[in-house]
Amino acid sequence: MHASFSLRAAAFGLAIALASGGAARAQYAPPGMGEPQETPSCAEALPQIEALVKEAEGDGIDTSGAKAQIDAARTAQGKGAEAECIRALVLAQNDVVLKLQARAPGAAPAAPAR
């Protein structure tokens, strides 16, 4: 994997904020970012999650599940369903983050597919 830890760290902070705050626009502070900021809206978070997925794909990670969730987020955004969009983005990001963690040095190998 290439040097992209800061994007992953910020994305992980975003996932936690999105999962805990949702459309309520809670306060959060991504790792190393200092002052708390508002939880991003779907429109603000979508390009960040797309960038994370693109980066993971470049690292050889299967992103098909994350891409399906991004499509669901776009559909929800088109309907004005902010909470549904945020949920889909959290699922997309979680998919990528879990796969990145599984590939991290010292991580246990992934369980075989059934």
PDB file of N, CA and C in Angstrom:
ATOM      1  N   MET A   1       0.844  -1.185   0.000  1.00  0.00           N
ATOM      2  CA  MET A   1       0.000   0.000   0.000  1.00  0.00           C
ATOM      3  C   MET A   1       0.880   1.236   0.000  1.00  0.00           C
ATOM      4  N   HIS A   2       0.396   2.288  -0.600  1.00  0.00           N
ATOM      5  CA  HIS A   2       1.187   3.504  -0.632  1.00  0.00           C
ATOM      6  C   HIS A   2       0.853   4.394   0.553  1.00  0.00           C
ATOM      7  N   ALA A   3       1.609   5.466   0.684  1.00  0.00           N
ATOM      8  CA  ALA A   3       1.474   6.341   1.856  1.00  0.00           C
ATOM      9  C   ALA A   3       0.162   7.101   1.798  1.00  0.00           C
ATOM     10  N   SER A   4      -0.861   6.552   2.389  1.00  0.00           N
ATOM     11  CA  SER A   4      -2.174   7.187   2.380  1.00  0.00           C
ATOM     12  C   SER A   4      -2.824   7.098   3.750  1.00  0.00           C
ATOM     13  N   PHE A   5      -1.993   6.952   4.764  1.00  0.00           N
ATOM     14  CA  PHE A   5      -2.515   6.788   6.118  1.00  0.00           C
ATOM     15  C   PHE A   5      -3.360   7.972   6.549  1.00  0.00           C
ATOM     16  N   SER A   6      -2.961   9.196   6.202  1.00  0.00           N
ATOM     17  CA  SER A   6      -3.710  10.364   6.673  1.00  0.00           C
ATOM     18  C   SER A   6      -5.122  10.375   6.115  1.00  0.00           C
ATOM     19  N   LEU A   7      -5.286   9.980   4.853  1.00  0.00           N
ATOM     20  CA  LEU A   7      -6.626   9.913   4.278  1.00  0.00           C
ATOM     21  C   LEU A   7      -7.439   8.847   4.998  1.00  0.00           C
ATOM     22  N   ARG A   8      -6.811   7.710   5.277  1.00  0.00           N
ATOM     23  CA  ARG A   8      -7.521   6.641   5.983  1.00  0.00           C
ATOM     24  C   ARG A   8      -7.894   7.075   7.396  1.00  0.00           C
ATOM     25  N   ALA A   9      -6.983   7.758   8.069  1.00  0.00           N
ATOM     26  CA  ALA A   9      -7.264   8.211   9.432  1.00  0.00           C
ATOM     27  C   ALA A   9      -8.412   9.212   9.434  1.00  0.00           C
ATOM     28  N   ALA A  10      -8.386  10.145   8.494  1.00  0.00           N
ATOM     29  CA  ALA A  10      -9.471  11.122   8.403  1.00  0.00           C
ATOM     30  C   ALA A  10     -10.778  10.428   8.043  1.00  0.00           C
ATOM     31  N   ALA A  11     -10.705   9.458   7.157  1.00  0.00           N
ATOM     32  CA  ALA A  11     -11.902   8.730   6.764  1.00  0.00           C
ATOM     33  C   ALA A  11     -12.463   7.937   7.935  1.00  0.00           C
ATOM     34  N   PHE A  12     -11.580   7.343   8.722  1.00  0.00           N
ATOM     35  CA  PHE A  12     -12.034   6.598   9.892  1.00  0.00           C
ATOM     36  C   PHE A  12     -12.732   7.535  10.874  1.00  0.00           C
ATOM     37  N   GLY A  13     -12.172   8.724  11.075  1.00  0.00           N
ATOM     38  CA  GLY A  13     -12.810   9.720  11.932  1.00  0.00           C
ATOM     39  C   GLY A  13     -14.161  10.128  11.386  1.00  0.00           C
ATOM     40  N   LEU A  14     -14.242  10.233  10.063  1.00  0.00           N
ATOM     41  CA  LEU A  14     -15.499  10.576   9.418  1.00  0.00           C
ATOM     42  C   LEU A  14     -16.523   9.473   9.642  1.00  0.00           C
ATOM     43  N   ALA A  15     -16.102   8.222   9.538  1.00  0.00           N
ATOM     44  CA  ALA A  15     -17.030   7.102   9.736  1.00  0.00           C
ATOM     45  C   ALA A  15     -17.611   7.116  11.137  1.00  0.00           C
ATOM     46  N   ILE A  16     -16.766   7.346  12.105  1.00  0.00           N
ATOM     47  CA  ILE A  16     -17.240   7.387  13.487  1.00  0.00           C
ATOM     48  C   ILE A  16     -18.231   8.530  13.660  1.00  0.00           C
ATOM     49  N   ALA A  17     -17.910   9.679  13.094  1.00  0.00           N
ATOM     50  CA  ALA A  17     -18.796  10.832  13.210  1.00  0.00           C
ATOM     51  C   ALA A  17     -20.115  10.587  12.503  1.00  0.00           C
ATOM     52  N   LEU A  18     -20.054  10.012  11.308  1.00  0.00           N
ATOM     53  CA  LEU A  18     -21.277   9.752  10.567  1.00  0.00           C
ATOM     54  C   LEU A  18     -22.138   8.725  11.287  1.00  0.00           C
ATOM     55  N   ALA A  19     -21.515   7.705  11.817  1.00  0.00           N
ATOM     56  CA  ALA A  19     -22.269   6.657  12.504  1.00  0.00           C
ATOM     57  C   ALA A  19     -22.912   7.179  13.779  1.00  0.00           C
ATOM     58  N   SER A  20     -22.227   8.056  14.474  1.00  0.00           N
ATOM     59  CA  SER A  20     -22.762   8.540  15.742  1.00  0.00           C
ATOM     60  C   SER A  20     -23.652   9.758  15.585  1.00  0.00           C
ATOM     61  N   GLY A  21     -23.422  10.564  14.562  1.00  0.00           N
ATOM     62  CA  GLY A  21     -24.168  11.799  14.429  1.00  0.00           C
ATOM     63  C   GLY A  21     -25.253  11.765  13.385  1.00  0.00           C
ATOM     64  N   GLY A  22     -25.043  11.020  12.322  1.00  0.00           N
ATOM     65  CA  GLY A  22     -26.021  10.951  11.250  1.00  0.00           C
ATOM     66  C   GLY A  22     -26.401  12.329  10.751  1.00  0.00           C
ATOM     67  N   ALA A  23     -27.663  12.481  10.452  1.00  0.00           N
ATOM     68  CA  ALA A  23     -28.150  13.738   9.913  1.00  0.00           C
ATOM     69  C   ALA A  23     -28.278  14.811  10.987  1.00  0.00           C
ATOM     70  N   ALA A  24     -28.025  14.452  12.238  1.00  0.00           N
ATOM     71  CA  ALA A  24     -28.132  15.419  13.328  1.00  0.00           C
ATOM     72  C   ALA A  24     -26.991  16.430  13.316  1.00  0.00           C
ATOM     73  N   ARG A  25     -25.993  16.214  12.477  1.00  0.00           N
ATOM     74  CA  ARG A  25     -24.853  17.111  12.333  1.00  0.00           C
ATOM     75  C   ARG A  25     -24.138  17.309  13.664  1.00  0.00           C
ATOM     76  N   ALA A  26     -23.740  16.187  14.259  1.00  0.00           N
ATOM     77  CA  ALA A  26     -23.008  16.201  15.529  1.00  0.00           C
ATOM     78  C   ALA A  26     -21.631  16.814  15.341  1.00  0.00           C
ATOM     79  N   GLN A  27     -20.998  17.117  16.456  1.00  0.00           N
ATOM     80  CA  GLN A  27     -19.639  17.647  16.424  1.00  0.00           C
ATOM     81  C   GLN A  27     -18.662  16.488  16.442  1.00  0.00           C
ATOM     82  N   TYR A  28     -17.575  16.603  15.678  1.00  0.00           N
ATOM     83  CA  TYR A  28     -16.534  15.584  15.709  1.00  0.00           C
ATOM     84  C   TYR A  28     -15.207  16.236  15.395  1.00  0.00           C
ATOM     85  N   ALA A  29     -14.148  15.535  15.729  1.00  0.00           N
ATOM     86  CA  ALA A  29     -12.799  16.001  15.406  1.00  0.00           C
ATOM     87  C   ALA A  29     -12.007  14.819  14.860  1.00  0.00           C
ATOM     88  N   PRO A  30     -11.757  14.795  13.537  1.00  0.00           N
ATOM     89  CA  PRO A  30     -10.953  13.716  12.976  1.00  0.00           C
ATOM     90  C   PRO A  30      -9.573  13.697  13.616  1.00  0.00           C
ATOM     91  N   PRO A  31      -8.924  12.530  13.632  1.00  0.00           N
ATOM     92  CA  PRO A  31      -7.599  12.438  14.248  1.00  0.00           C
ATOM     93  C   PRO A  31      -6.644  13.495  13.702  1.00  0.00           C
ATOM     94  N   GLY A  32      -6.017  14.223  14.609  1.00  0.00           N
ATOM     95  CA  GLY A  32      -5.031  15.221  14.217  1.00  0.00           C
ATOM     96  C   GLY A  32      -5.601  16.492  13.619  1.00  0.00           C
ATOM     97  N   MET A  33      -6.901  16.690  13.707  1.00  0.00           N
ATOM     98  CA  MET A  33      -7.509  17.849  13.062  1.00  0.00           C
ATOM     99  C   MET A  33      -7.830  18.980  14.036  1.00  0.00           C
ATOM    100  N   GLY A  34      -7.631  18.774  15.328  1.00  0.00           N
ATOM    101  CA  GLY A  34      -7.838  19.855  16.284  1.00  0.00           C
ATOM    102  C   GLY A  34      -9.284  20.031  16.681  1.00  0.00           C
ATOM    103  N   GLU A  35      -9.791  21.244  16.499  1.00  0.00           N
ATOM    104  CA  GLU A  35     -11.132  21.616  16.949  1.00  0.00           C
ATOM    105  C   GLU A  35     -12.224  20.748  16.327  1.00  0.00           C
ATOM    106  N   PRO A  36     -13.270  20.443  17.108  1.00  0.00           N
ATOM    107  CA  PRO A  36     -14.396  19.697  16.554  1.00  0.00           C
ATOM    108  C   PRO A  36     -15.043  20.461  15.403  1.00  0.00           C
ATOM    109  N   GLN A  37     -15.554  19.717  14.455  1.00  0.00           N
ATOM    110  CA  GLN A  37     -16.232  20.291  13.305  1.00  0.00           C
ATOM    111  C   GLN A  37     -17.597  19.634  13.195  1.00  0.00           C
ATOM    112  N   GLU A  38     -18.480  20.233  12.403  1.00  0.00           N
ATOM    113  CA  GLU A  38     -19.783  19.621  12.197  1.00  0.00           C
ATOM    114  C   GLU A  38     -19.625  18.351  11.378  1.00  0.00           C
ATOM    115  N   THR A  39     -20.485  17.371  11.647  1.00  0.00           N
ATOM    116  CA  THR A  39     -20.510  16.166  10.832  1.00  0.00           C
ATOM    117  C   THR A  39     -20.885  16.577   9.414  1.00  0.00           C
ATOM    118  N   PRO A  40     -20.160  16.085   8.423  1.00  0.00           N
ATOM    119  CA  PRO A  40     -20.457  16.471   7.043  1.00  0.00           C
ATOM    120  C   PRO A  40     -21.832  15.988   6.593  1.00  0.00           C
ATOM    121  N   SER A  41     -22.409  16.733   5.681  1.00  0.00           N
ATOM    122  CA  SER A  41     -23.653  16.301   5.057  1.00  0.00           C
ATOM    123  C   SER A  41     -23.319  15.218   4.042  1.00  0.00           C
ATOM    124  N   CYS A  42     -24.333  14.613   3.494  1.00  0.00           N
ATOM    125  CA  CYS A  42     -24.131  13.600   2.466  1.00  0.00           C
ATOM    126  C   CYS A  42     -23.355  14.197   1.293  1.00  0.00           C
ATOM    127  N   ALA A  43     -23.736  15.383   0.871  1.00  0.00           N
ATOM    128  CA  ALA A  43     -23.061  16.026  -0.261  1.00  0.00           C
ATOM    129  C   ALA A  43     -21.592  16.294   0.042  1.00  0.00           C
ATOM    130  N   GLU A  44     -21.283  16.602   1.286  1.00  0.00           N
ATOM    131  CA  GLU A  44     -19.891  16.860   1.672  1.00  0.00           C
ATOM    132  C   GLU A  44     -19.103  15.561   1.825  1.00  0.00           C
ATOM    133  N   ALA A  45     -19.745  14.527   2.351  1.00  0.00           N
ATOM    134  CA  ALA A  45     -19.046  13.269   2.635  1.00  0.00           C
ATOM    135  C   ALA A  45     -18.876  12.392   1.403  1.00  0.00           C
ATOM    136  N   LEU A  46     -19.801  12.468   0.464  1.00  0.00           N
ATOM    137  CA  LEU A  46     -19.764  11.586  -0.701  1.00  0.00           C
ATOM    138  C   LEU A  46     -18.433  11.638  -1.450  1.00  0.00           C
ATOM    139  N   PRO A  47     -17.901  12.817  -1.793  1.00  0.00           N
ATOM    140  CA  PRO A  47     -16.618  12.825  -2.506  1.00  0.00           C
ATOM    141  C   PRO A  47     -15.467  12.263  -1.674  1.00  0.00           C
ATOM    142  N   GLN A  48     -15.526  12.429  -0.365  1.00  0.00           N
ATOM    143  CA  GLN A  48     -14.472  11.889   0.503  1.00  0.00           C
ATOM    144  C   GLN A  48     -14.496  10.362   0.501  1.00  0.00           C
ATOM    145  N   ILE A  49     -15.682   9.796   0.571  1.00  0.00           N
ATOM    146  CA  ILE A  49     -15.802   8.338   0.574  1.00  0.00           C
ATOM    147  C   ILE A  49     -15.448   7.795  -0.805  1.00  0.00           C
ATOM    148  N   GLU A  50     -15.852   8.494  -1.853  1.00  0.00           N
ATOM    149  CA  GLU A  50     -15.476   8.072  -3.207  1.00  0.00           C
ATOM    150  C   GLU A  50     -13.955   8.050  -3.364  1.00  0.00           C
ATOM    151  N   ALA A  51     -13.278   9.052  -2.817  1.00  0.00           N
ATOM    152  CA  ALA A  51     -11.811   9.103  -2.895  1.00  0.00           C
ATOM    153  C   ALA A  51     -11.189   7.946  -2.119  1.00  0.00           C
ATOM    154  N   LEU A  52     -11.736   7.639  -0.949  1.00  0.00           N
ATOM    155  CA  LEU A  52     -11.232   6.517  -0.156  1.00  0.00           C
ATOM    156  C   LEU A  52     -11.389   5.205  -0.922  1.00  0.00           C
ATOM    157  N   VAL A  53     -12.545   5.016  -1.543  1.00  0.00           N
ATOM    158  CA  VAL A  53     -12.808   3.790  -2.296  1.00  0.00           C
ATOM    159  C   VAL A  53     -11.874   3.699  -3.502  1.00  0.00           C
ATOM    160  N   LYS A  54     -11.685   4.806  -4.192  1.00  0.00           N
ATOM    161  CA  LYS A  54     -10.782   4.821  -5.349  1.00  0.00           C
ATOM    162  C   LYS A  54      -9.356   4.473  -4.915  1.00  0.00           C
ATOM    163  N   GLU A  55      -8.930   5.029  -3.807  1.00  0.00           N
ATOM    164  CA  GLU A  55      -7.592   4.754  -3.283  1.00  0.00           C
ATOM    165  C   GLU A  55      -7.452   3.285  -2.900  1.00  0.00           C
ATOM    166  N   ALA A  56      -8.457   2.748  -2.236  1.00  0.00           N
ATOM    167  CA  ALA A  56      -8.426   1.339  -1.833  1.00  0.00           C
ATOM    168  C   ALA A  56      -8.383   0.439  -3.060  1.00  0.00           C
ATOM    169  N   GLU A  57      -9.145   0.798  -4.067  1.00  0.00           N
ATOM    170  CA  GLU A  57      -9.149   0.017  -5.304  1.00  0.00           C
ATOM    171  C   GLU A  57      -7.758   0.028  -5.941  1.00  0.00           C
ATOM    172  N   GLY A  58      -7.097   1.181  -5.906  1.00  0.00           N
ATOM    173  CA  GLY A  58      -5.732   1.292  -6.411  1.00  0.00           C
ATOM    174  C   GLY A  58      -4.752   0.442  -5.626  1.00  0.00           C
ATOM    175  N   ASP A  59      -5.085   0.174  -4.365  1.00  0.00           N
ATOM    176  CA  ASP A  59      -4.246  -0.670  -3.509  1.00  0.00           C
ATOM    177  C   ASP A  59      -4.579  -2.154  -3.677  1.00  0.00           C
ATOM    178  N   GLY A  60      -5.493  -2.456  -4.594  1.00  0.00           N
ATOM    179  CA  GLY A  60      -5.825  -3.846  -4.860  1.00  0.00           C
ATOM    180  C   GLY A  60      -6.905  -4.430  -3.980  1.00  0.00           C
ATOM    181  N   ILE A  61      -7.635  -3.590  -3.291  1.00  0.00           N
ATOM    182  CA  ILE A  61      -8.706  -4.057  -2.403  1.00  0.00           C
ATOM    183  C   ILE A  61     -10.003  -4.167  -3.201  1.00  0.00           C
ATOM    184  N   ASP A  62     -10.762  -5.228  -2.949  1.00  0.00           N
ATOM    185  CA  ASP A  62     -12.060  -5.406  -3.592  1.00  0.00           C
ATOM    186  C   ASP A  62     -13.015  -4.340  -3.055  1.00  0.00           C
ATOM    187  N   THR A  63     -13.468  -3.470  -3.929  1.00  0.00           N
ATOM    188  CA  THR A  63     -14.332  -2.370  -3.511  1.00  0.00           C
ATOM    189  C   THR A  63     -15.748  -2.503  -4.067  1.00  0.00           C
ATOM    190  N   SER A  64     -16.100  -3.671  -4.567  1.00  0.00           N
ATOM    191  CA  SER A  64     -17.418  -3.826  -5.186  1.00  0.00           C
ATOM    192  C   SER A  64     -18.554  -3.542  -4.201  1.00  0.00           C
ATOM    193  N   GLY A  65     -18.424  -4.005  -2.967  1.00  0.00           N
ATOM    194  CA  GLY A  65     -19.458  -3.738  -1.964  1.00  0.00           C
ATOM    195  C   GLY A  65     -19.551  -2.261  -1.629  1.00  0.00           C
ATOM    196  N   ALA A  66     -18.402  -1.609  -1.496  1.00  0.00           N
ATOM    197  CA  ALA A  66     -18.381  -0.178  -1.193  1.00  0.00           C
ATOM    198  C   ALA A  66     -18.976   0.627  -2.344  1.00  0.00           C
ATOM    199  N   LYS A  67     -18.671   0.215  -3.573  1.00  0.00           N
ATOM    200  CA  LYS A  67     -19.219   0.927  -4.736  1.00  0.00           C
ATOM    201  C   LYS A  67     -20.739   0.790  -4.798  1.00  0.00           C
ATOM    202  N   ALA A  68     -21.251  -0.372  -4.440  1.00  0.00           N
ATOM    203  CA  ALA A  68     -22.703  -0.559  -4.411  1.00  0.00           C
ATOM    204  C   ALA A  68     -23.334   0.372  -3.377  1.00  0.00           C
ATOM    205  N   GLN A  69     -22.673   0.541  -2.233  1.00  0.00           N
ATOM    206  CA  GLN A  69     -23.187   1.447  -1.201  1.00  0.00           C
ATOM    207  C   GLN A  69     -23.108   2.904  -1.659  1.00  0.00           C
ATOM    208  N   ILE A  70     -22.064   3.258  -2.400  1.00  0.00           N
ATOM    209  CA  ILE A  70     -21.966   4.620  -2.936  1.00  0.00           C
ATOM    210  C   ILE A  70     -23.107   4.871  -3.914  1.00  0.00           C
ATOM    211  N   ASP A  71     -23.427   3.884  -4.745  1.00  0.00           N
ATOM    212  CA  ASP A  71     -24.572   4.025  -5.649  1.00  0.00           C
ATOM    213  C   ASP A  71     -25.861   4.226  -4.854  1.00  0.00           C
ATOM    214  N   ALA A  72     -26.012   3.482  -3.767  1.00  0.00           N
ATOM    215  CA  ALA A  72     -27.195   3.641  -2.909  1.00  0.00           C
ATOM    216  C   ALA A  72     -27.221   5.031  -2.284  1.00  0.00           C
ATOM    217  N   ALA A  73     -26.052   5.537  -1.909  1.00  0.00           N
ATOM    218  CA  ALA A  73     -25.976   6.887  -1.331  1.00  0.00           C
ATOM    219  C   ALA A  73     -26.394   7.934  -2.356  1.00  0.00           C
ATOM    220  N   ARG A  74     -25.935   7.779  -3.587  1.00  0.00           N
ATOM    221  CA  ARG A  74     -26.321   8.729  -4.646  1.00  0.00           C
ATOM    222  C   ARG A  74     -27.834   8.704  -4.879  1.00  0.00           C
ATOM    223  N   THR A  75     -28.394   7.500  -4.887  1.00  0.00           N
ATOM    224  CA  THR A  75     -29.844   7.367  -5.069  1.00  0.00           C
ATOM    225  C   THR A  75     -30.584   8.063  -3.930  1.00  0.00           C
ATOM    226  N   ALA A  76     -30.144   7.821  -2.704  1.00  0.00           N
ATOM    227  CA  ALA A  76     -30.772   8.454  -1.539  1.00  0.00           C
ATOM    228  C   ALA A  76     -30.622   9.970  -1.600  1.00  0.00           C
ATOM    229  N   GLN A  77     -29.447  10.423  -2.009  1.00  0.00           N
ATOM    230  CA  GLN A  77     -29.213  11.864  -2.117  1.00  0.00           C
ATOM    231  C   GLN A  77     -30.173  12.477  -3.129  1.00  0.00           C
ATOM    232  N   GLY A  78     -30.399  11.779  -4.242  1.00  0.00           N
ATOM    233  CA  GLY A  78     -31.325  12.262  -5.265  1.00  0.00           C
ATOM    234  C   GLY A  78     -32.755  12.365  -4.771  1.00  0.00           C
ATOM    235  N   LYS A  79     -33.106  11.523  -3.796  1.00  0.00           N
ATOM    236  CA  LYS A  79     -34.450  11.550  -3.204  1.00  0.00           C
ATOM    237  C   LYS A  79     -34.539  12.523  -2.035  1.00  0.00           C
ATOM    238  N   GLY A  80     -33.401  13.115  -1.666  1.00  0.00           N
ATOM    239  CA  GLY A  80     -33.389  14.011  -0.514  1.00  0.00           C
ATOM    240  C   GLY A  80     -33.420  13.268   0.813  1.00  0.00           C
ATOM    241  N   ALA A  81     -33.047  11.998   0.801  1.00  0.00           N
ATOM    242  CA  ALA A  81     -33.058  11.169   2.013  1.00  0.00           C
ATOM    243  C   ALA A  81     -31.672  11.212   2.657  1.00  0.00           C
ATOM    244  N   GLU A  82     -31.419  12.269   3.409  1.00  0.00           N
ATOM    245  CA  GLU A  82     -30.096  12.511   4.000  1.00  0.00           C
ATOM    246  C   GLU A  82     -29.637  11.365   4.904  1.00  0.00           C
ATOM    247  N   ALA A  83     -30.487  10.920   5.809  1.00  0.00           N
ATOM    248  CA  ALA A  83     -30.094   9.854   6.739  1.00  0.00           C
ATOM    249  C   ALA A  83     -29.784   8.558   5.997  1.00  0.00           C
ATOM    250  N   GLU A  84     -30.571   8.241   4.993  1.00  0.00           N
ATOM    251  CA  GLU A  84     -30.334   7.036   4.189  1.00  0.00           C
ATOM    252  C   GLU A  84     -29.003   7.141   3.441  1.00  0.00           C
ATOM    253  N   CYS A  85     -28.716   8.321   2.931  1.00  0.00           N
ATOM    254  CA  CYS A  85     -27.451   8.560   2.235  1.00  0.00           C
ATOM    255  C   CYS A  85     -26.274   8.385   3.186  1.00  0.00           C
ATOM    256  N   ILE A  86     -26.367   8.974   4.357  1.00  0.00           N
ATOM    257  CA  ILE A  86     -25.291   8.871   5.350  1.00  0.00           C
ATOM    258  C   ILE A  86     -25.068   7.412   5.742  1.00  0.00           C
ATOM    259  N   ARG A  87     -26.158   6.675   5.963  1.00  0.00           N
ATOM    260  CA  ARG A  87     -26.025   5.252   6.313  1.00  0.00           C
ATOM    261  C   ARG A  87     -25.276   4.485   5.227  1.00  0.00           C
ATOM    262  N   ALA A  88     -25.621   4.736   3.969  1.00  0.00           N
ATOM    263  CA  ALA A  88     -24.957   4.044   2.859  1.00  0.00           C
ATOM    264  C   ALA A  88     -23.478   4.408   2.800  1.00  0.00           C
ATOM    265  N   LEU A  89     -23.153   5.670   3.064  1.00  0.00           N
ATOM    266  CA  LEU A  89     -21.747   6.085   3.055  1.00  0.00           C
ATOM    267  C   LEU A  89     -20.973   5.440   4.199  1.00  0.00           C
ATOM    268  N   VAL A  90     -21.599   5.330   5.352  1.00  0.00           N
ATOM    269  CA  VAL A  90     -20.944   4.667   6.486  1.00  0.00           C
ATOM    270  C   VAL A  90     -20.679   3.201   6.141  1.00  0.00           C
ATOM    271  N   LEU A  91     -21.645   2.546   5.531  1.00  0.00           N
ATOM    272  CA  LEU A  91     -21.454   1.145   5.143  1.00  0.00           C
ATOM    273  C   LEU A  91     -20.337   1.004   4.111  1.00  0.00           C
ATOM    274  N   ALA A  92     -20.293   1.919   3.143  1.00  0.00           N
ATOM    275  CA  ALA A  92     -19.228   1.885   2.132  1.00  0.00           C
ATOM    276  C   ALA A  92     -17.871   2.053   2.788  1.00  0.00           C
ATOM    277  N   GLN A  93     -17.788   3.024   3.661  1.00  0.00           N
ATOM    278  CA  GLN A  93     -16.516   3.288   4.326  1.00  0.00           C
ATOM    279  C   GLN A  93     -16.119   2.143   5.246  1.00  0.00           C
ATOM    280  N   ASN A  94     -17.067   1.606   5.989  1.00  0.00           N
ATOM    281  CA  ASN A  94     -16.763   0.482   6.877  1.00  0.00           C
ATOM    282  C   ASN A  94     -16.218  -0.702   6.094  1.00  0.00           C
ATOM    283  N   ASP A  95     -16.791  -0.955   4.926  1.00  0.00           N
ATOM    284  CA  ASP A  95     -16.327  -2.054   4.085  1.00  0.00           C
ATOM    285  C   ASP A  95     -14.849  -1.875   3.742  1.00  0.00           C
ATOM    286  N   VAL A  96     -14.482  -0.671   3.336  1.00  0.00           N
ATOM    287  CA  VAL A  96     -13.091  -0.396   2.965  1.00  0.00           C
ATOM    288  C   VAL A  96     -12.183  -0.427   4.190  1.00  0.00           C
ATOM    289  N   VAL A  97     -12.593   0.211   5.262  1.00  0.00           N
ATOM    290  CA  VAL A  97     -11.748   0.280   6.466  1.00  0.00           C
ATOM    291  C   VAL A  97     -11.477  -1.121   7.017  1.00  0.00           C
ATOM    292  N   LEU A  98     -12.492  -1.970   7.056  1.00  0.00           N
ATOM    293  CA  LEU A  98     -12.290  -3.338   7.549  1.00  0.00           C
ATOM    294  C   LEU A  98     -11.303  -4.105   6.675  1.00  0.00           C
ATOM    295  N   LYS A  99     -11.394  -3.909   5.376  1.00  0.00           N
ATOM    296  CA  LYS A  99     -10.466  -4.596   4.467  1.00  0.00           C
ATOM    297  C   LYS A  99      -9.054  -4.037   4.595  1.00  0.00           C
ATOM    298  N   LEU A 100      -8.936  -2.734   4.818  1.00  0.00           N
ATOM    299  CA  LEU A 100      -7.611  -2.138   5.036  1.00  0.00           C
ATOM    300  C   LEU A 100      -7.002  -2.668   6.327  1.00  0.00           C
ATOM    301  N   GLN A 101      -7.806  -2.750   7.368  1.00  0.00           N
ATOM    302  CA  GLN A 101      -7.318  -3.255   8.650  1.00  0.00           C
ATOM    303  C   GLN A 101      -6.879  -4.709   8.532  1.00  0.00           C
ATOM    304  N   ALA A 102      -7.595  -5.487   7.760  1.00  0.00           N
ATOM    305  CA  ALA A 102      -7.249  -6.896   7.585  1.00  0.00           C
ATOM    306  C   ALA A 102      -5.916  -7.056   6.864  1.00  0.00           C
ATOM    307  N   ARG A 103      -5.563  -6.077   6.037  1.00  0.00           N
ATOM    308  CA  ARG A 103      -4.302  -6.148   5.293  1.00  0.00           C
ATOM    309  C   ARG A 103      -3.150  -5.495   6.034  1.00  0.00           C
ATOM    310  N   ALA A 104      -3.421  -4.859   7.148  1.00  0.00           N
ATOM    311  CA  ALA A 104      -2.371  -4.164   7.900  1.00  0.00           C
ATOM    312  C   ALA A 104      -1.357  -5.174   8.427  1.00  0.00           C
ATOM    313  N   PRO A 105      -0.090  -4.759   8.537  1.00  0.00           N
ATOM    314  CA  PRO A 105       0.926  -5.671   9.072  1.00  0.00           C
ATOM    315  C   PRO A 105       0.518  -6.180  10.453  1.00  0.00           C
ATOM    316  N   GLY A 106       0.652  -7.470  10.645  1.00  0.00           N
ATOM    317  CA  GLY A 106       0.312  -8.069  11.930  1.00  0.00           C
ATOM    318  C   GLY A 106      -1.151  -8.408  12.091  1.00  0.00           C
ATOM    319  N   ALA A 107      -1.961  -8.069  11.096  1.00  0.00           N
ATOM    320  CA  ALA A 107      -3.390  -8.375  11.192  1.00  0.00           C
ATOM    321  C   ALA A 107      -3.608  -9.856  10.929  1.00  0.00           C
ATOM    322  N   ALA A 108      -4.619 -10.373  11.546  1.00  0.00           N
ATOM    323  CA  ALA A 108      -4.969 -11.774  11.319  1.00  0.00           C
ATOM    324  C   ALA A 108      -5.477 -11.928   9.894  1.00  0.00           C
ATOM    325  N   PRO A 109      -5.207 -13.047   9.251  1.00  0.00           N
ATOM    326  CA  PRO A 109      -5.705 -13.244   7.891  1.00  0.00           C
ATOM    327  C   PRO A 109      -7.228 -13.267   7.880  1.00  0.00           C
ATOM    328  N   ALA A 110      -7.788 -12.819   6.775  1.00  0.00           N
ATOM    329  CA  ALA A 110      -9.240 -12.792   6.637  1.00  0.00           C
ATOM    330  C   ALA A 110      -9.781 -14.212   6.620  1.00  0.00           C
ATOM    331  N   ALA A 111     -10.969 -14.369   7.144  1.00  0.00           N
ATOM    332  CA  ALA A 111     -11.610 -15.681   7.149  1.00  0.00           C
ATOM    333  C   ALA A 111     -11.957 -16.070   5.720  1.00  0.00           C
ATOM    334  N   PRO A 112     -11.860 -17.342   5.386  1.00  0.00           N
ATOM    335  CA  PRO A 112     -12.189 -17.768   4.024  1.00  0.00           C
ATOM    336  C   PRO A 112     -13.668 -17.555   3.738  1.00  0.00           C
ATOM    337  N   ALA A 113     -13.970 -17.236   2.488  1.00  0.00           N
ATOM    338  CA  ALA A 113     -15.362 -17.035   2.077  1.00  0.00           C
ATOM    339  C   ALA A 113     -16.084 -18.372   2.098  1.00  0.00           C
ATOM    340  N   ARG A 114     -17.328 -18.339   2.467  1.00  0.00           N
ATOM    341  CA  ARG A 114     -18.118 -19.580   2.532  1.00  0.00           C
ATOM    342  C   ARG A 114     -19.023 -19.683   1.354  1.00  0.00           C
TER     343      ARG A 114
END
